[in-house]
């Protein structure tokens, strides 16, 4: 039997996920509504430049998300310099995808840690 809407019960622990990670800003663009084209805010693309999270082993090898990209949707128009370390303020993430390996992240704002 295939149950429906199980994804509604997945809870993403953003505190644990972002602990031990350093994020570098690499791009930004307007965040637009898919249907209307209305600007909702800013999408800030980052790369994980340090990942100290212990994901355990898979097939005897260490798992890491080092150098993977994350995009944060911020509900206001902001300007973040490129190649600076940032931290999201109050991120809320949803796991999705056929293999539950995609992440949609919104955050209240972005804090620049280094310039």
N, C-alpha and C. Protein backbone atom coordinates (compact mmCIF):
# COMPACT_ATOMS: atom_id res chain seq x y z
N UNK A 1 0.84 -1.17 0.00
CA UNK A 1 0.00 0.00 0.00
C UNK A 1 0.89 1.25 0.00
N UNK A 2 0.64 2.19 -0.88
CA UNK A 2 1.38 3.44 -0.95
C UNK A 2 0.64 4.51 -0.18
N UNK A 3 1.26 5.02 0.86
CA UNK A 3 0.65 6.07 1.66
C UNK A 3 0.90 7.42 1.02
N UNK A 4 0.01 8.34 1.21
CA UNK A 4 0.12 9.66 0.60
C UNK A 4 0.54 10.70 1.64
N UNK A 5 1.22 11.73 1.16
CA UNK A 5 1.58 12.91 1.97
C UNK A 5 2.50 12.59 3.14
N UNK A 6 3.30 11.55 3.05
CA UNK A 6 4.23 11.22 4.12
C UNK A 6 5.31 12.28 4.28
N UNK A 7 5.61 12.95 3.18
CA UNK A 7 6.65 13.97 3.23
C UNK A 7 6.27 15.10 4.19
N UNK A 8 4.98 15.29 4.43
CA UNK A 8 4.54 16.32 5.37
C UNK A 8 5.02 16.04 6.79
N UNK A 9 5.48 14.83 7.04
CA UNK A 9 5.90 14.46 8.38
C UNK A 9 7.42 14.42 8.54
N UNK A 10 8.15 14.74 7.46
CA UNK A 10 9.60 14.82 7.56
C UNK A 10 9.96 16.15 8.19
N UNK A 11 10.79 16.13 9.20
CA UNK A 11 11.23 17.37 9.83
C UNK A 11 12.71 17.53 9.54
N UNK A 12 13.06 18.68 8.98
CA UNK A 12 14.44 18.96 8.69
C UNK A 12 15.04 19.74 9.85
N UNK A 13 16.13 19.25 10.42
CA UNK A 13 16.79 19.90 11.56
C UNK A 13 17.87 20.83 11.03
N UNK A 14 17.48 22.09 10.79
CA UNK A 14 18.42 23.04 10.20
C UNK A 14 19.59 23.35 11.13
N UNK A 15 19.37 23.37 12.43
CA UNK A 15 20.46 23.66 13.38
C UNK A 15 21.55 22.61 13.24
N UNK A 16 21.19 21.35 13.24
CA UNK A 16 22.17 20.27 13.10
C UNK A 16 22.80 20.26 11.71
N UNK A 17 22.01 20.51 10.68
CA UNK A 17 22.54 20.48 9.32
C UNK A 17 23.58 21.57 9.09
N UNK A 18 23.31 22.80 9.53
CA UNK A 18 24.23 23.90 9.28
C UNK A 18 25.38 23.96 10.27
N UNK A 19 25.28 23.23 11.41
CA UNK A 19 26.37 23.19 12.37
C UNK A 19 27.59 22.53 11.71
N UNK A 20 28.73 23.17 11.82
CA UNK A 20 29.95 22.60 11.24
C UNK A 20 30.13 22.91 9.77
N UNK A 21 29.27 23.76 9.22
CA UNK A 21 29.38 24.12 7.81
C UNK A 21 29.75 25.60 7.69
N UNK A 22 30.56 25.90 6.68
CA UNK A 22 30.85 27.28 6.31
C UNK A 22 30.38 27.45 4.87
N UNK A 23 29.65 28.54 4.62
CA UNK A 23 29.04 28.78 3.32
C UNK A 23 29.65 30.01 2.67
N UNK A 24 29.94 29.92 1.38
CA UNK A 24 30.51 31.01 0.61
C UNK A 24 29.51 31.44 -0.45
N UNK A 25 29.22 32.74 -0.53
CA UNK A 25 28.28 33.23 -1.55
C UNK A 25 28.94 33.18 -2.92
N UNK A 26 28.21 32.68 -3.91
CA UNK A 26 28.76 32.57 -5.27
C UNK A 26 27.87 33.19 -6.33
N UNK A 27 26.61 33.51 -6.00
CA UNK A 27 25.72 34.09 -7.00
C UNK A 27 24.47 34.59 -6.30
N UNK A 28 23.78 35.51 -6.96
CA UNK A 28 22.45 35.92 -6.49
C UNK A 28 21.63 36.37 -7.68
N UNK A 29 20.34 36.23 -7.53
CA UNK A 29 19.41 36.63 -8.59
C UNK A 29 18.04 36.88 -7.98
N UNK A 30 17.18 37.56 -8.69
CA UNK A 30 15.84 37.77 -8.16
C UNK A 30 15.10 36.44 -7.96
N UNK A 31 14.36 36.36 -6.90
CA UNK A 31 13.49 35.21 -6.64
C UNK A 31 12.12 35.62 -7.16
N UNK A 32 11.65 34.95 -8.20
CA UNK A 32 10.40 35.32 -8.85
C UNK A 32 9.35 34.22 -8.71
N UNK A 33 8.11 34.64 -8.63
CA UNK A 33 6.99 33.71 -8.64
C UNK A 33 6.96 33.03 -10.00
N UNK A 34 6.88 31.71 -10.00
CA UNK A 34 6.93 30.94 -11.24
C UNK A 34 5.81 31.30 -12.21
N UNK A 35 4.61 31.53 -11.69
CA UNK A 35 3.45 31.79 -12.55
C UNK A 35 3.33 33.25 -12.98
N UNK A 36 3.52 34.18 -12.03
CA UNK A 36 3.27 35.59 -12.32
C UNK A 36 4.51 36.38 -12.72
N UNK A 37 5.68 35.88 -12.35
CA UNK A 37 6.92 36.61 -12.62
C UNK A 37 7.19 37.71 -11.61
N UNK A 38 6.31 37.85 -10.62
CA UNK A 38 6.47 38.87 -9.58
C UNK A 38 7.72 38.56 -8.75
N UNK A 39 8.51 39.59 -8.45
CA UNK A 39 9.71 39.41 -7.62
C UNK A 39 9.28 39.23 -6.17
N UNK A 40 9.67 38.10 -5.60
CA UNK A 40 9.34 37.77 -4.21
C UNK A 40 10.48 38.12 -3.26
N UNK A 41 11.68 38.28 -3.81
CA UNK A 41 12.85 38.54 -2.99
C UNK A 41 14.11 38.22 -3.76
N UNK A 42 15.08 37.63 -3.06
CA UNK A 42 16.39 37.33 -3.65
C UNK A 42 16.76 35.87 -3.41
N UNK A 43 17.32 35.23 -4.41
CA UNK A 43 17.88 33.89 -4.25
C UNK A 43 19.40 34.05 -4.15
N UNK A 44 19.96 33.56 -3.06
CA UNK A 44 21.39 33.64 -2.83
C UNK A 44 21.96 32.22 -2.93
N UNK A 45 22.85 32.03 -3.91
CA UNK A 45 23.46 30.72 -4.12
C UNK A 45 24.79 30.68 -3.37
N UNK A 46 25.01 29.58 -2.68
CA UNK A 46 26.23 29.40 -1.90
C UNK A 46 26.86 28.05 -2.22
N UNK A 47 28.11 27.91 -1.80
CA UNK A 47 28.78 26.63 -1.88
C UNK A 47 29.26 26.29 -0.47
N UNK A 48 29.17 25.02 -0.11
CA UNK A 48 29.65 24.58 1.20
C UNK A 48 31.17 24.48 1.12
N UNK A 49 31.87 25.40 1.80
CA UNK A 49 33.34 25.41 1.73
C UNK A 49 33.98 24.66 2.89
N UNK A 50 33.19 24.30 3.90
CA UNK A 50 33.67 23.45 4.98
C UNK A 50 32.48 22.65 5.49
N UNK A 51 32.66 21.35 5.67
CA UNK A 51 31.58 20.50 6.15
C UNK A 51 32.14 19.53 7.17
N UNK A 52 31.89 19.83 8.44
CA UNK A 52 32.35 18.97 9.53
C UNK A 52 31.25 18.07 10.07
N UNK A 53 30.14 17.99 9.35
CA UNK A 53 29.01 17.16 9.77
C UNK A 53 29.37 15.68 9.60
N UNK A 54 29.05 14.88 10.61
CA UNK A 54 29.29 13.43 10.54
C UNK A 54 28.03 12.77 9.98
N UNK A 55 28.10 12.37 8.70
CA UNK A 55 26.98 11.70 8.05
C UNK A 55 27.09 10.19 8.17
N UNK A 56 28.16 9.71 8.75
CA UNK A 56 28.39 8.28 8.83
C UNK A 56 29.07 7.79 7.56
N UNK A 57 29.11 6.49 7.39
CA UNK A 57 29.76 5.88 6.23
C UNK A 57 28.73 5.30 5.28
N UNK A 58 29.06 5.32 4.00
CA UNK A 58 28.24 4.66 3.00
C UNK A 58 29.17 3.77 2.18
N UNK A 59 28.91 2.47 2.21
CA UNK A 59 29.75 1.50 1.53
C UNK A 59 31.21 1.64 1.95
N UNK A 60 31.42 1.94 3.25
CA UNK A 60 32.76 2.03 3.80
C UNK A 60 33.49 3.34 3.53
N UNK A 61 32.83 4.29 2.87
CA UNK A 61 33.47 5.57 2.55
C UNK A 61 32.80 6.71 3.32
N UNK A 62 33.59 7.73 3.65
CA UNK A 62 33.09 8.90 4.36
C UNK A 62 32.17 9.69 3.43
N UNK A 63 31.03 10.13 3.95
CA UNK A 63 30.07 10.92 3.19
C UNK A 63 30.27 12.40 3.55
N UNK A 64 30.24 13.26 2.54
CA UNK A 64 30.39 14.70 2.76
C UNK A 64 29.60 15.47 1.72
N UNK A 65 29.20 16.68 2.08
CA UNK A 65 28.54 17.58 1.14
C UNK A 65 29.46 18.76 0.77
N UNK A 66 30.75 18.60 1.00
CA UNK A 66 31.72 19.63 0.68
C UNK A 66 31.61 20.00 -0.79
N UNK A 67 31.58 21.30 -1.07
CA UNK A 67 31.50 21.89 -2.41
C UNK A 67 30.14 21.73 -3.08
N UNK A 68 29.15 21.22 -2.36
CA UNK A 68 27.79 21.19 -2.91
C UNK A 68 27.20 22.58 -2.81
N UNK A 69 26.26 22.90 -3.70
CA UNK A 69 25.64 24.22 -3.71
C UNK A 69 24.30 24.19 -2.98
N UNK A 70 24.02 25.29 -2.29
CA UNK A 70 22.74 25.50 -1.63
C UNK A 70 22.21 26.87 -2.06
N UNK A 71 20.91 26.97 -2.29
CA UNK A 71 20.30 28.24 -2.64
C UNK A 71 19.31 28.63 -1.56
N UNK A 72 19.45 29.85 -1.08
CA UNK A 72 18.56 30.38 -0.04
C UNK A 72 17.62 31.40 -0.67
N UNK A 73 16.33 31.25 -0.42
CA UNK A 73 15.33 32.20 -0.89
C UNK A 73 15.03 33.16 0.26
N UNK A 74 15.32 34.44 0.01
CA UNK A 74 15.16 35.47 1.02
C UNK A 74 13.97 36.36 0.61
N UNK A 75 12.96 36.55 1.47
CA UNK A 75 11.75 37.26 1.06
C UNK A 75 11.89 38.79 1.02
N UNK A 76 13.02 39.28 0.58
CA UNK A 76 13.22 40.70 0.36
C UNK A 76 14.39 40.87 -0.60
N UNK A 77 14.45 42.03 -1.22
CA UNK A 77 15.54 42.30 -2.15
C UNK A 77 16.76 42.73 -1.34
N UNK A 78 17.84 41.96 -1.48
CA UNK A 78 19.09 42.25 -0.77
C UNK A 78 20.25 42.16 -1.75
N UNK A 79 21.38 42.67 -1.33
CA UNK A 79 22.59 42.55 -2.15
C UNK A 79 23.69 41.98 -1.27
N UNK A 80 24.20 40.84 -1.67
CA UNK A 80 25.25 40.15 -0.94
C UNK A 80 26.49 40.15 -1.83
N UNK A 81 27.65 40.58 -1.30
CA UNK A 81 28.87 40.51 -2.12
C UNK A 81 29.20 39.06 -2.46
N UNK A 82 29.87 38.86 -3.57
CA UNK A 82 30.30 37.52 -3.96
C UNK A 82 31.56 37.14 -3.18
N UNK A 83 31.73 35.83 -2.99
CA UNK A 83 32.91 35.27 -2.34
C UNK A 83 33.10 35.74 -0.91
N UNK A 84 32.00 35.86 -0.17
CA UNK A 84 32.08 36.16 1.25
C UNK A 84 31.40 35.04 2.01
N UNK A 85 31.84 34.82 3.23
CA UNK A 85 31.21 33.80 4.06
C UNK A 85 29.90 34.36 4.61
N UNK A 86 28.85 33.56 4.52
CA UNK A 86 27.53 33.99 4.98
C UNK A 86 26.92 32.96 5.91
N UNK A 87 25.87 33.39 6.61
CA UNK A 87 25.07 32.48 7.44
C UNK A 87 23.61 32.87 7.28
N UNK A 88 22.73 31.90 7.03
CA UNK A 88 21.30 32.23 6.92
C UNK A 88 20.71 32.52 8.30
N UNK A 89 19.78 33.47 8.36
CA UNK A 89 19.06 33.76 9.60
C UNK A 89 17.71 33.06 9.55
N UNK A 90 17.45 32.26 10.54
CA UNK A 90 16.19 31.52 10.67
C UNK A 90 15.81 30.75 9.42
N UNK A 91 16.68 29.84 8.97
CA UNK A 91 16.35 29.06 7.78
C UNK A 91 15.26 28.03 8.06
N UNK A 92 14.44 27.80 7.04
CA UNK A 92 13.42 26.76 7.09
C UNK A 92 13.60 25.95 5.82
N UNK A 93 13.81 24.66 5.95
CA UNK A 93 14.11 23.83 4.78
C UNK A 93 13.10 22.70 4.65
N UNK A 94 12.89 22.33 3.40
CA UNK A 94 12.02 21.20 3.07
C UNK A 94 12.79 20.24 2.19
N UNK A 95 12.75 18.98 2.55
CA UNK A 95 13.38 17.93 1.76
C UNK A 95 12.37 17.46 0.72
N UNK A 96 12.81 17.31 -0.54
CA UNK A 96 11.90 16.86 -1.58
C UNK A 96 12.66 16.05 -2.62
N UNK A 97 11.97 15.59 -3.63
CA UNK A 97 12.57 14.84 -4.73
C UNK A 97 12.26 13.36 -4.62
N UNK A 98 12.40 12.67 -5.75
CA UNK A 98 12.12 11.23 -5.79
C UNK A 98 12.93 10.44 -4.78
N UNK A 99 14.17 10.89 -4.54
CA UNK A 99 15.05 10.18 -3.61
C UNK A 99 15.24 10.96 -2.31
N UNK A 100 14.38 11.99 -2.10
CA UNK A 100 14.49 12.83 -0.90
C UNK A 100 15.91 13.37 -0.74
N UNK A 101 16.50 13.82 -1.85
CA UNK A 101 17.87 14.33 -1.83
C UNK A 101 17.98 15.78 -2.30
N UNK A 102 16.84 16.47 -2.36
CA UNK A 102 16.82 17.88 -2.74
C UNK A 102 16.37 18.70 -1.53
N UNK A 103 16.83 19.96 -1.49
CA UNK A 103 16.54 20.81 -0.35
C UNK A 103 16.06 22.17 -0.84
N UNK A 104 14.90 22.60 -0.39
CA UNK A 104 14.39 23.94 -0.68
C UNK A 104 14.51 24.73 0.62
N UNK A 105 15.24 25.86 0.58
CA UNK A 105 15.51 26.61 1.80
C UNK A 105 15.06 28.06 1.66
N UNK A 106 14.26 28.51 2.61
CA UNK A 106 13.96 29.93 2.73
C UNK A 106 14.59 30.40 4.04
N UNK A 107 14.93 31.67 4.10
CA UNK A 107 15.51 32.23 5.33
C UNK A 107 15.02 33.67 5.46
N UNK A 108 14.98 34.13 6.67
CA UNK A 108 14.55 35.49 6.96
C UNK A 108 15.50 36.52 6.34
N UNK A 109 16.80 36.21 6.40
CA UNK A 109 17.82 37.13 5.91
C UNK A 109 19.14 36.37 5.80
N UNK A 110 20.15 37.06 5.31
CA UNK A 110 21.50 36.50 5.21
C UNK A 110 22.44 37.40 6.00
N UNK A 111 23.25 36.81 6.85
CA UNK A 111 24.26 37.54 7.61
C UNK A 111 25.61 37.35 6.93
N UNK A 112 26.30 38.44 6.62
CA UNK A 112 27.64 38.37 6.03
C UNK A 112 28.63 38.27 7.19
N UNK A 113 29.43 37.18 7.20
CA UNK A 113 30.39 36.96 8.28
C UNK A 113 31.77 37.52 7.98
N UNK A 114 32.15 37.54 6.71
CA UNK A 114 33.47 38.05 6.33
C UNK A 114 33.36 38.77 5.00
N UNK A 115 34.18 39.79 4.83
CA UNK A 115 34.18 40.54 3.57
C UNK A 115 35.51 40.44 2.90
